[in-house]
Amino acid sequence: MSERDLDHELVLRAQNGDQRAFELLVVKYQRRIVRLLSRMIRDQNEIEDVTQEAFIKAYRALPSFRGESAFYTWLYRIAINTAKNYLSTLGRRPILSAEYEDEDGDTVDAAALVPDFHTPETELSNKQIVSTVNEAVDALPDELREAITLREMDGMSYDEIALAMDCPIGTVRSRIFRAREAIASRLRPLLGDVGKDKRW
């Protein structure tokens, strides 16, 4: 049984009133949602509150879940919207962390992806690159930032991103292309000729 099939079975049980089935989905995805929201919200208590609120919203909306997307894609959208609404009521913008979750669910520091030869110059350069990428992503319009984050940090396919963002796949491709161009233009002065024809 695939992950998606397992989730589908748990969702069906939860829709039929089996609370334990939904609790299993919470246990399965709580850590990922906490990590996801930690890229938008700094305070740990707030992250936990928003995570809990997202799961409550998901539980209430469960009868409307039809399985057209993976359960996590659907839950992801609810969590992102819950966090955006929360920050909006406080008049705050999402923060951007240098950490992200890889395909195995492990936290990776973006700085670790930049070659480090342990000289003061390269360490400074690496920090500048990571800082520049973070600033570039943070400066993107919301829809571009969300698209590039889903693709590059969460490793979602274009189809999954289209479902998560509720837009056509062509729009997703366009947003990711524009985001990459914006990030690359900020990186070129740091990378010189080496990064001229390469995406970040």
N, C-alpha and C. Protein backbone atom coordinates (compact mmCIF):
# COMPACT_ATOMS: atom_id res chain seq x y z
N MET A 1 0.85 -1.20 0.00
CA MET A 1 0.00 0.00 0.00
C MET A 1 0.88 1.25 0.00
N SER A 2 0.64 2.18 -0.91
CA SER A 2 1.43 3.40 -1.00
C SER A 2 1.04 4.36 0.12
N GLU A 3 1.90 5.39 0.30
CA GLU A 3 1.61 6.42 1.31
C GLU A 3 0.26 7.08 1.03
N ARG A 4 0.04 7.37 -0.24
CA ARG A 4 -1.22 8.04 -0.60
C ARG A 4 -2.43 7.15 -0.32
N ASP A 5 -2.29 5.85 -0.63
CA ASP A 5 -3.37 4.90 -0.35
C ASP A 5 -3.65 4.80 1.14
N LEU A 6 -2.57 4.76 1.92
CA LEU A 6 -2.71 4.68 3.37
C LEU A 6 -3.43 5.92 3.91
N ASP A 7 -2.98 7.10 3.44
CA ASP A 7 -3.64 8.34 3.87
C ASP A 7 -5.11 8.34 3.47
N HIS A 8 -5.37 7.87 2.25
CA HIS A 8 -6.75 7.84 1.76
C HIS A 8 -7.63 6.96 2.65
N GLU A 9 -7.09 5.82 3.06
CA GLU A 9 -7.82 4.91 3.93
C GLU A 9 -8.10 5.57 5.29
N LEU A 10 -7.10 6.25 5.83
CA LEU A 10 -7.27 6.93 7.12
C LEU A 10 -8.29 8.07 7.01
N VAL A 11 -8.23 8.80 5.89
CA VAL A 11 -9.18 9.89 5.67
C VAL A 11 -10.61 9.35 5.60
N LEU A 12 -10.79 8.25 4.85
CA LEU A 12 -12.13 7.65 4.75
C LEU A 12 -12.66 7.23 6.11
N ARG A 13 -11.80 6.64 6.91
CA ARG A 13 -12.21 6.23 8.26
C ARG A 13 -12.57 7.45 9.11
N ALA A 14 -11.74 8.49 9.01
CA ALA A 14 -12.00 9.71 9.78
C ALA A 14 -13.31 10.37 9.33
N GLN A 15 -13.56 10.35 8.02
CA GLN A 15 -14.81 10.93 7.50
C GLN A 15 -16.03 10.15 8.00
N ASN A 16 -15.81 8.87 8.33
CA ASN A 16 -16.90 8.04 8.85
C ASN A 16 -16.97 8.05 10.38
N GLY A 17 -16.26 9.02 10.98
CA GLY A 17 -16.37 9.20 12.42
C GLY A 17 -15.30 8.54 13.27
N ASP A 18 -14.27 7.93 12.63
CA ASP A 18 -13.20 7.29 13.39
C ASP A 18 -12.16 8.35 13.78
N GLN A 19 -12.26 8.85 15.03
CA GLN A 19 -11.35 9.91 15.48
C GLN A 19 -9.91 9.42 15.55
N ARG A 20 -9.72 8.16 15.87
CA ARG A 20 -8.37 7.59 15.97
C ARG A 20 -7.66 7.68 14.63
N ALA A 21 -8.39 7.50 13.55
CA ALA A 21 -7.79 7.59 12.21
C ALA A 21 -7.24 8.98 11.95
N PHE A 22 -8.00 10.01 12.37
CA PHE A 22 -7.51 11.38 12.17
C PHE A 22 -6.32 11.65 13.08
N GLU A 23 -6.35 11.11 14.29
CA GLU A 23 -5.22 11.27 15.21
C GLU A 23 -3.95 10.69 14.61
N LEU A 24 -4.08 9.59 13.88
CA LEU A 24 -2.92 8.98 13.23
C LEU A 24 -2.36 9.89 12.13
N LEU A 25 -3.26 10.58 11.42
CA LEU A 25 -2.82 11.54 10.40
C LEU A 25 -2.10 12.72 11.05
N VAL A 26 -2.61 13.15 12.20
CA VAL A 26 -1.96 14.24 12.93
C VAL A 26 -0.56 13.82 13.35
N VAL A 27 -0.45 12.63 13.94
CA VAL A 27 0.85 12.12 14.38
C VAL A 27 1.82 12.03 13.19
N LYS A 28 1.30 11.57 12.07
CA LYS A 28 2.14 11.38 10.88
C LYS A 28 2.67 12.70 10.32
N TYR A 29 1.84 13.75 10.32
CA TYR A 29 2.21 14.99 9.64
C TYR A 29 2.50 16.19 10.54
N GLN A 30 2.33 16.04 11.84
CA GLN A 30 2.52 17.18 12.73
C GLN A 30 3.93 17.75 12.64
N ARG A 31 4.93 16.85 12.62
CA ARG A 31 6.31 17.32 12.58
C ARG A 31 6.60 18.10 11.29
N ARG A 32 6.07 17.61 10.18
CA ARG A 32 6.30 18.29 8.89
C ARG A 32 5.61 19.65 8.86
N ILE A 33 4.42 19.73 9.43
CA ILE A 33 3.70 21.01 9.44
C ILE A 33 4.41 22.02 10.36
N VAL A 34 4.91 21.53 11.49
CA VAL A 34 5.68 22.41 12.39
C VAL A 34 6.90 22.96 11.66
N ARG A 35 7.61 22.09 10.95
CA ARG A 35 8.79 22.54 10.20
C ARG A 35 8.41 23.52 9.10
N LEU A 36 7.32 23.23 8.42
CA LEU A 36 6.83 24.12 7.37
C LEU A 36 6.56 25.51 7.94
N LEU A 37 5.81 25.56 9.05
CA LEU A 37 5.42 26.84 9.63
C LEU A 37 6.59 27.58 10.28
N SER A 38 7.62 26.83 10.67
CA SER A 38 8.80 27.47 11.27
C SER A 38 9.56 28.31 10.26
N ARG A 39 9.24 28.11 8.97
CA ARG A 39 9.85 28.96 7.93
C ARG A 39 9.09 30.27 7.79
N MET A 40 7.92 30.35 8.41
CA MET A 40 7.10 31.56 8.29
C MET A 40 6.98 32.31 9.61
N ILE A 41 7.05 31.57 10.71
CA ILE A 41 6.84 32.14 12.04
C ILE A 41 8.05 31.79 12.91
N ARG A 42 8.54 32.76 13.66
CA ARG A 42 9.75 32.53 14.45
C ARG A 42 9.47 31.93 15.83
N ASP A 43 8.45 32.42 16.52
CA ASP A 43 8.18 32.01 17.89
C ASP A 43 7.62 30.58 17.97
N GLN A 44 8.27 29.72 18.77
CA GLN A 44 7.90 28.31 18.85
C GLN A 44 6.47 28.12 19.36
N ASN A 45 6.07 28.91 20.34
CA ASN A 45 4.71 28.81 20.88
C ASN A 45 3.68 29.16 19.82
N GLU A 46 3.97 30.18 19.03
CA GLU A 46 3.06 30.58 17.95
C GLU A 46 2.98 29.49 16.89
N ILE A 47 4.13 28.89 16.58
CA ILE A 47 4.16 27.80 15.59
C ILE A 47 3.25 26.66 16.04
N GLU A 48 3.36 26.29 17.32
CA GLU A 48 2.54 25.20 17.85
C GLU A 48 1.05 25.56 17.83
N ASP A 49 0.74 26.82 18.16
CA ASP A 49 -0.66 27.27 18.15
C ASP A 49 -1.24 27.22 16.74
N VAL A 50 -0.47 27.73 15.78
CA VAL A 50 -0.95 27.77 14.39
C VAL A 50 -1.06 26.35 13.82
N THR A 51 -0.11 25.48 14.19
CA THR A 51 -0.17 24.07 13.77
C THR A 51 -1.45 23.43 14.27
N GLN A 52 -1.75 23.65 15.55
CA GLN A 52 -2.96 23.08 16.14
C GLN A 52 -4.21 23.63 15.44
N GLU A 53 -4.19 24.93 15.18
CA GLU A 53 -5.34 25.55 14.50
C GLU A 53 -5.52 24.97 13.09
N ALA A 54 -4.39 24.73 12.41
CA ALA A 54 -4.45 24.17 11.05
C ALA A 54 -5.07 22.77 11.06
N PHE A 55 -4.69 21.96 12.05
CA PHE A 55 -5.25 20.61 12.14
C PHE A 55 -6.74 20.65 12.51
N ILE A 56 -7.12 21.61 13.35
CA ILE A 56 -8.54 21.76 13.69
C ILE A 56 -9.34 22.13 12.44
N LYS A 57 -8.79 23.07 11.65
CA LYS A 57 -9.46 23.47 10.39
C LYS A 57 -9.55 22.29 9.43
N ALA A 58 -8.46 21.51 9.36
CA ALA A 58 -8.45 20.34 8.48
C ALA A 58 -9.51 19.33 8.92
N TYR A 59 -9.63 19.14 10.22
CA TYR A 59 -10.62 18.18 10.74
C TYR A 59 -12.04 18.63 10.38
N ARG A 60 -12.29 19.94 10.55
CA ARG A 60 -13.63 20.47 10.24
C ARG A 60 -13.93 20.41 8.74
N ALA A 61 -12.86 20.58 7.94
CA ALA A 61 -13.05 20.58 6.48
C ALA A 61 -12.97 19.18 5.87
N LEU A 62 -12.66 18.19 6.71
CA LEU A 62 -12.46 16.82 6.21
C LEU A 62 -13.62 16.27 5.37
N PRO A 63 -14.88 16.57 5.74
CA PRO A 63 -15.97 16.05 4.90
C PRO A 63 -15.91 16.53 3.45
N SER A 64 -15.25 17.69 3.22
CA SER A 64 -15.18 18.22 1.85
C SER A 64 -13.96 17.70 1.09
N PHE A 65 -13.07 16.96 1.77
CA PHE A 65 -11.89 16.42 1.09
C PHE A 65 -12.29 15.26 0.19
N ARG A 66 -11.99 15.37 -1.10
CA ARG A 66 -12.44 14.37 -2.07
C ARG A 66 -11.30 13.49 -2.60
N GLY A 67 -10.09 13.73 -2.11
CA GLY A 67 -8.96 12.91 -2.55
C GLY A 67 -8.45 13.24 -3.93
N GLU A 68 -8.78 14.44 -4.45
CA GLU A 68 -8.29 14.83 -5.78
C GLU A 68 -6.79 15.14 -5.74
N SER A 69 -6.30 15.52 -4.56
CA SER A 69 -4.87 15.72 -4.36
C SER A 69 -4.45 14.80 -3.22
N ALA A 70 -3.13 14.71 -3.00
CA ALA A 70 -2.64 13.95 -1.85
C ALA A 70 -3.11 14.66 -0.58
N PHE A 71 -3.32 13.92 0.49
CA PHE A 71 -3.79 14.51 1.75
C PHE A 71 -2.81 15.58 2.22
N TYR A 72 -1.49 15.31 2.12
CA TYR A 72 -0.52 16.30 2.59
C TYR A 72 -0.59 17.59 1.78
N THR A 73 -0.82 17.48 0.48
CA THR A 73 -0.95 18.69 -0.36
C THR A 73 -2.12 19.53 0.12
N TRP A 74 -3.22 18.88 0.42
CA TRP A 74 -4.42 19.56 0.92
C TRP A 74 -4.16 20.17 2.30
N LEU A 75 -3.51 19.40 3.17
CA LEU A 75 -3.18 19.87 4.52
C LEU A 75 -2.19 21.03 4.46
N TYR A 76 -1.22 20.92 3.54
CA TYR A 76 -0.22 21.97 3.34
C TYR A 76 -0.90 23.30 3.04
N ARG A 77 -1.87 23.26 2.12
CA ARG A 77 -2.57 24.48 1.74
C ARG A 77 -3.31 25.10 2.93
N ILE A 78 -3.94 24.25 3.73
CA ILE A 78 -4.66 24.73 4.92
C ILE A 78 -3.67 25.37 5.91
N ALA A 79 -2.53 24.70 6.13
CA ALA A 79 -1.53 25.21 7.08
C ALA A 79 -0.96 26.55 6.63
N ILE A 80 -0.62 26.65 5.33
CA ILE A 80 -0.07 27.90 4.80
C ILE A 80 -1.08 29.04 4.95
N ASN A 81 -2.34 28.77 4.58
CA ASN A 81 -3.38 29.79 4.68
C ASN A 81 -3.64 30.19 6.13
N THR A 82 -3.61 29.22 7.03
CA THR A 82 -3.80 29.51 8.46
C THR A 82 -2.69 30.41 8.97
N ALA A 83 -1.44 30.10 8.57
CA ALA A 83 -0.30 30.92 9.00
C ALA A 83 -0.38 32.33 8.40
N LYS A 84 -0.74 32.42 7.12
CA LYS A 84 -0.86 33.74 6.48
C LYS A 84 -1.93 34.58 7.17
N ASN A 85 -3.08 33.97 7.47
CA ASN A 85 -4.15 34.69 8.17
C ASN A 85 -3.70 35.13 9.55
N TYR A 86 -2.99 34.26 10.24
CA TYR A 86 -2.49 34.57 11.58
C TYR A 86 -1.55 35.77 11.54
N LEU A 87 -0.58 35.72 10.62
CA LEU A 87 0.39 36.81 10.50
C LEU A 87 -0.27 38.10 10.04
N SER A 88 -1.25 37.95 9.17
CA SER A 88 -1.97 39.12 8.66
C SER A 88 -2.70 39.86 9.78
N THR A 89 -3.31 39.12 10.70
CA THR A 89 -4.02 39.77 11.81
C THR A 89 -3.05 40.50 12.73
N LEU A 90 -1.78 40.06 12.74
CA LEU A 90 -0.77 40.72 13.57
C LEU A 90 0.00 41.79 12.78
N GLY A 91 -0.32 41.89 11.48
CA GLY A 91 0.37 42.86 10.64
C GLY A 91 1.82 42.50 10.38
N ARG A 92 2.10 41.19 10.35
CA ARG A 92 3.47 40.72 10.14
C ARG A 92 3.60 39.95 8.83
N ARG A 93 4.83 39.93 8.30
CA ARG A 93 5.13 39.13 7.10
C ARG A 93 5.83 37.85 7.51
N PRO A 94 5.71 36.79 6.72
CA PRO A 94 6.43 35.56 7.05
C PRO A 94 7.93 35.79 7.06
N ILE A 95 8.64 35.15 7.98
CA ILE A 95 10.10 35.18 7.98
C ILE A 95 10.56 34.11 7.00
N LEU A 96 11.83 34.12 6.68
CA LEU A 96 12.38 33.07 5.82
C LEU A 96 13.55 32.43 6.52
N SER A 97 13.46 31.15 6.75
CA SER A 97 14.54 30.42 7.42
C SER A 97 15.49 29.85 6.39
N ALA A 98 16.76 29.71 6.79
CA ALA A 98 17.75 29.08 5.91
C ALA A 98 17.62 27.58 5.96
N GLU A 99 16.70 27.07 6.80
CA GLU A 99 16.51 25.62 6.91
C GLU A 99 15.29 25.19 6.10
N TYR A 100 15.34 23.98 5.62
CA TYR A 100 14.18 23.41 4.94
C TYR A 100 14.17 21.91 5.16
N GLU A 101 13.09 21.29 4.78
CA GLU A 101 12.94 19.86 4.97
C GLU A 101 13.22 19.14 3.67
N ASP A 102 14.11 18.14 3.72
CA ASP A 102 14.39 17.40 2.49
C ASP A 102 13.36 16.29 2.28
N GLU A 103 13.55 15.49 1.23
CA GLU A 103 12.55 14.47 0.87
C GLU A 103 12.37 13.41 1.95
N ASP A 104 13.40 13.22 2.79
CA ASP A 104 13.31 12.21 3.85
C ASP A 104 12.73 12.80 5.14
N GLY A 105 12.36 14.08 5.10
CA GLY A 105 11.79 14.71 6.28
C GLY A 105 12.83 15.21 7.25
N ASP A 106 14.12 15.25 6.83
CA ASP A 106 15.17 15.74 7.70
C ASP A 106 15.41 17.22 7.46
N THR A 107 15.75 17.95 8.52
CA THR A 107 16.00 19.37 8.38
C THR A 107 17.40 19.59 7.82
N VAL A 108 17.49 20.42 6.81
CA VAL A 108 18.75 20.73 6.16
C VAL A 108 18.97 22.22 6.24
N ASP A 109 20.19 22.63 6.61
CA ASP A 109 20.53 24.04 6.62
C ASP A 109 21.03 24.41 5.23
N ALA A 110 20.42 25.44 4.64
CA ALA A 110 20.81 25.84 3.28
C ALA A 110 22.30 26.16 3.20
N ALA A 111 22.88 26.66 4.28
CA ALA A 111 24.31 26.99 4.27
C ALA A 111 25.16 25.75 4.03
N ALA A 112 24.64 24.59 4.44
CA ALA A 112 25.39 23.35 4.28
C ALA A 112 25.46 22.91 2.82
N LEU A 113 24.59 23.47 1.99
CA LEU A 113 24.58 23.11 0.57
C LEU A 113 25.63 23.87 -0.22
N VAL A 114 26.18 24.92 0.39
CA VAL A 114 27.19 25.73 -0.29
C VAL A 114 28.57 25.15 0.06
N PRO A 115 29.44 24.90 -0.93
CA PRO A 115 30.75 24.33 -0.63
C PRO A 115 31.49 25.16 0.41
N ASP A 116 32.13 24.49 1.35
CA ASP A 116 32.83 25.17 2.43
C ASP A 116 34.23 24.60 2.54
N PHE A 117 35.21 25.42 2.24
CA PHE A 117 36.59 24.96 2.30
C PHE A 117 37.30 25.49 3.54
N HIS A 118 36.53 25.96 4.50
CA HIS A 118 37.01 26.36 5.82
C HIS A 118 38.08 27.44 5.80
N THR A 119 37.97 28.39 4.92
CA THR A 119 38.81 29.58 5.02
C THR A 119 37.89 30.73 5.37
N PRO A 120 38.40 31.74 6.04
CA PRO A 120 37.53 32.88 6.40
C PRO A 120 36.86 33.49 5.18
N GLU A 121 37.59 33.54 4.06
CA GLU A 121 37.02 34.15 2.85
C GLU A 121 35.85 33.34 2.30
N THR A 122 36.04 31.99 2.22
CA THR A 122 34.96 31.18 1.67
C THR A 122 33.77 31.13 2.62
N GLU A 123 34.03 31.13 3.93
CA GLU A 123 32.93 31.12 4.89
C GLU A 123 32.11 32.39 4.77
N LEU A 124 32.81 33.53 4.61
CA LEU A 124 32.11 34.80 4.44
C LEU A 124 31.32 34.79 3.14
N SER A 125 31.94 34.27 2.07
CA SER A 125 31.27 34.19 0.77
C SER A 125 30.03 33.30 0.84
N ASN A 126 30.17 32.14 1.50
CA ASN A 126 29.04 31.22 1.64
C ASN A 126 27.88 31.88 2.37
N LYS A 127 28.20 32.57 3.45
CA LYS A 127 27.16 33.26 4.23
C LYS A 127 26.48 34.33 3.38
N GLN A 128 27.29 35.03 2.57
CA GLN A 128 26.72 36.08 1.71
C GLN A 128 25.77 35.47 0.68
N ILE A 129 26.15 34.32 0.12
CA ILE A 129 25.32 33.67 -0.88
C ILE A 129 23.99 33.24 -0.26
N VAL A 130 24.06 32.57 0.90
CA VAL A 130 22.84 32.11 1.57
C VAL A 130 21.97 33.31 1.95
N SER A 131 22.62 34.34 2.48
CA SER A 131 21.88 35.55 2.88
C SER A 131 21.22 36.20 1.67
N THR A 132 21.95 36.25 0.55
CA THR A 132 21.42 36.87 -0.67
C THR A 132 20.23 36.07 -1.21
N VAL A 133 20.35 34.72 -1.20
CA VAL A 133 19.23 33.88 -1.64
C VAL A 133 18.01 34.12 -0.75
N ASN A 134 18.23 34.14 0.57
CA ASN A 134 17.13 34.36 1.50
C ASN A 134 16.46 35.72 1.27
N GLU A 135 17.29 36.76 1.09
CA GLU A 135 16.75 38.10 0.85
C GLU A 135 15.98 38.14 -0.48
N ALA A 136 16.54 37.48 -1.49
CA ALA A 136 15.90 37.46 -2.81
C ALA A 136 14.54 36.76 -2.74
N VAL A 137 14.49 35.62 -2.05
CA VAL A 137 13.23 34.89 -1.91
C VAL A 137 12.24 35.71 -1.10
N ASP A 138 12.73 36.33 -0.03
CA ASP A 138 11.87 37.13 0.84
C ASP A 138 11.27 38.33 0.10
N ALA A 139 12.01 38.85 -0.87
CA ALA A 139 11.55 40.02 -1.62
C ALA A 139 10.56 39.68 -2.74
N LEU A 140 10.42 38.39 -3.04
CA LEU A 140 9.50 37.98 -4.10
C LEU A 140 8.05 38.24 -3.70
N PRO A 141 7.19 38.49 -4.68
CA PRO A 141 5.75 38.54 -4.38
C PRO A 141 5.30 37.20 -3.80
N ASP A 142 4.27 37.21 -2.98
CA ASP A 142 3.83 36.00 -2.27
C ASP A 142 3.67 34.79 -3.16
N GLU A 143 3.02 34.96 -4.34
CA GLU A 143 2.74 33.79 -5.16
C GLU A 143 4.01 33.21 -5.76
N LEU A 144 5.02 34.05 -6.05
CA LEU A 144 6.29 33.53 -6.57
C LEU A 144 7.07 32.84 -5.46
N ARG A 145 7.08 33.47 -4.28
CA ARG A 145 7.80 32.88 -3.14
C ARG A 145 7.23 31.51 -2.77
N GLU A 146 5.91 31.42 -2.75
CA GLU A 146 5.27 30.15 -2.39
C GLU A 146 5.59 29.07 -3.42
N ALA A 147 5.53 29.44 -4.71
CA ALA A 147 5.80 28.46 -5.78
C ALA A 147 7.23 27.94 -5.72
N ILE A 148 8.20 28.85 -5.56
CA ILE A 148 9.61 28.41 -5.56
C ILE A 148 9.92 27.62 -4.29
N THR A 149 9.27 27.96 -3.18
CA THR A 149 9.49 27.23 -1.93
C THR A 149 8.95 25.81 -2.05
N LEU A 150 7.75 25.67 -2.62
CA LEU A 150 7.16 24.34 -2.81
C LEU A 150 8.03 23.47 -3.70
N ARG A 151 8.61 24.09 -4.74
CA ARG A 151 9.41 23.33 -5.70
C ARG A 151 10.80 22.99 -5.16
N GLU A 152 11.51 24.02 -4.72
CA GLU A 152 12.92 23.83 -4.36
C GLU A 152 13.13 23.34 -2.93
N MET A 153 12.24 23.71 -2.02
CA MET A 153 12.45 23.33 -0.63
C MET A 153 11.60 22.13 -0.21
N ASP A 154 10.42 22.02 -0.78
CA ASP A 154 9.56 20.89 -0.43
C ASP A 154 9.62 19.77 -1.47
N GLY A 155 10.23 20.07 -2.62
CA GLY A 155 10.41 19.05 -3.64
C GLY A 155 9.11 18.58 -4.28
N MET A 156 8.09 19.43 -4.28
CA MET A 156 6.81 19.05 -4.89
C MET A 156 6.91 19.09 -6.41
N SER A 157 6.13 18.26 -7.07
CA SER A 157 6.06 18.27 -8.53
C SER A 157 5.22 19.47 -8.97
N TYR A 158 5.30 19.81 -10.25
CA TYR A 158 4.50 20.93 -10.76
C TYR A 158 3.00 20.66 -10.58
N ASP A 159 2.61 19.41 -10.78
CA ASP A 159 1.19 19.05 -10.59
C ASP A 159 0.74 19.28 -9.16
N GLU A 160 1.59 18.85 -8.20
CA GLU A 160 1.26 19.02 -6.79
C GLU A 160 1.18 20.50 -6.41
N ILE A 161 2.11 21.29 -6.97
CA ILE A 161 2.12 22.72 -6.68
C ILE A 161 0.85 23.37 -7.24
N ALA A 162 0.46 22.97 -8.45
CA ALA A 162 -0.76 23.51 -9.06
C ALA A 162 -1.97 23.23 -8.16
N LEU A 163 -2.03 22.04 -7.59
CA LEU A 163 -3.13 21.70 -6.68
C LEU A 163 -3.03 22.49 -5.38
N ALA A 164 -1.81 22.59 -4.82
CA ALA A 164 -1.61 23.29 -3.55
C ALA A 164 -1.93 24.77 -3.68
N MET A 165 -1.59 25.36 -4.85
CA MET A 165 -1.80 26.80 -5.05
C MET A 165 -3.11 27.10 -5.77
N ASP A 166 -3.80 26.03 -6.17
CA ASP A 166 -5.09 26.18 -6.84
C ASP A 166 -5.00 27.06 -8.08
N CYS A 167 -4.06 26.69 -8.97
CA CYS A 167 -3.88 27.44 -10.22
C CYS A 167 -3.40 26.49 -11.31
N PRO A 168 -3.49 26.90 -12.59
CA PRO A 168 -3.06 26.02 -13.69
C PRO A 168 -1.56 25.73 -13.62
N ILE A 169 -1.16 24.59 -14.18
CA ILE A 169 0.25 24.20 -14.16
C ILE A 169 1.13 25.20 -14.93
N GLY A 170 0.58 25.80 -15.98
CA GLY A 170 1.33 26.81 -16.73
C GLY A 170 1.66 28.02 -15.87
N THR A 171 0.75 28.38 -15.00
CA THR A 171 0.98 29.50 -14.07
C THR A 171 2.08 29.14 -13.10
N VAL A 172 2.08 27.89 -12.64
CA VAL A 172 3.12 27.41 -11.72
C VAL A 172 4.48 27.53 -12.40
N ARG A 173 4.59 27.02 -13.64
CA ARG A 173 5.87 27.08 -14.37
C ARG A 173 6.34 28.53 -14.52
N SER A 174 5.42 29.41 -14.85
CA SER A 174 5.76 30.82 -15.04
C SER A 174 6.26 31.45 -13.73
N ARG A 175 5.56 31.13 -12.63
CA ARG A 175 5.95 31.71 -11.34
C ARG A 175 7.33 31.21 -10.91
N ILE A 176 7.59 29.92 -11.12
CA ILE A 176 8.88 29.37 -10.73
C ILE A 176 9.99 29.95 -11.60
N PHE A 177 9.74 30.10 -12.90
CA PHE A 177 10.73 30.68 -13.80
C PHE A 177 11.05 32.11 -13.37
N ARG A 178 10.00 32.90 -13.09
CA ARG A 178 10.21 34.30 -12.70
C ARG A 178 10.94 34.41 -11.36
N ALA A 179 10.62 33.49 -10.45
CA ALA A 179 11.29 33.48 -9.13
C ALA A 179 12.77 33.16 -9.31
N ARG A 180 13.08 32.15 -10.13
CA ARG A 180 14.47 31.76 -10.35
C ARG A 180 15.26 32.90 -11.00
N GLU A 181 14.64 33.58 -11.95
CA GLU A 181 15.29 34.70 -12.62
C GLU A 181 15.62 35.81 -11.63
N ALA A 182 14.66 36.12 -10.76
CA ALA A 182 14.85 37.18 -9.77
C ALA A 182 15.98 36.82 -8.80
N ILE A 183 16.02 35.55 -8.38
CA ILE A 183 17.06 35.10 -7.45
C ILE A 183 18.43 35.12 -8.15
N ALA A 184 18.46 34.62 -9.39
CA ALA A 184 19.71 34.57 -10.15
C ALA A 184 20.29 35.96 -10.37
N SER A 185 19.41 36.94 -10.63
CA SER A 185 19.90 38.30 -10.89
C SER A 185 20.57 38.89 -9.65
N ARG A 186 20.10 38.48 -8.47
CA ARG A 186 20.73 38.96 -7.23
C ARG A 186 22.03 38.22 -6.94
N LEU A 187 22.13 36.98 -7.39
CA LEU A 187 23.32 36.18 -7.12
C LEU A 187 24.48 36.49 -8.08
N ARG A 188 24.16 36.94 -9.29
CA ARG A 188 25.22 37.12 -10.31
C ARG A 188 26.38 38.00 -9.83
N PRO A 189 26.12 39.12 -9.16
CA PRO A 189 27.27 39.93 -8.71
C PRO A 189 28.19 39.17 -7.74
N LEU A 190 27.63 38.25 -6.94
CA LEU A 190 28.44 37.48 -5.99
C LEU A 190 29.21 36.35 -6.67
N LEU A 191 28.56 35.74 -7.67
CA LEU A 191 29.16 34.56 -8.32
C LEU A 191 30.02 34.90 -9.52
N GLY A 192 29.92 36.13 -9.99
CA GLY A 192 30.72 36.53 -11.16
C GLY A 192 30.28 35.76 -12.39
N ASP A 193 31.25 35.44 -13.26
CA ASP A 193 30.94 34.76 -14.51
C ASP A 193 30.47 33.33 -14.30
N VAL A 194 30.88 32.72 -13.17
CA VAL A 194 30.54 31.32 -12.94
C VAL A 194 29.04 31.10 -12.91
N GLY A 195 28.33 32.01 -12.25
CA GLY A 195 26.89 31.80 -12.11
C GLY A 195 26.05 32.42 -13.19
N LYS A 196 26.74 32.96 -14.22
CA LYS A 196 26.01 33.73 -15.24
C LYS A 196 24.91 32.95 -15.92
N ASP A 197 25.20 31.74 -16.34
CA ASP A 197 24.22 30.96 -17.09
C ASP A 197 23.60 29.84 -16.28
N LYS A 198 23.75 29.91 -14.96
CA LYS A 198 23.24 28.85 -14.13
C LYS A 198 22.13 29.36 -13.23
N ARG A 199 21.17 28.48 -12.97
CA ARG A 199 20.14 28.80 -12.00
C ARG A 199 20.74 28.58 -10.62
N TRP A 200 20.14 29.21 -9.61
CA TRP A 200 20.65 29.02 -8.24
C TRP A 200 20.39 27.61 -7.79
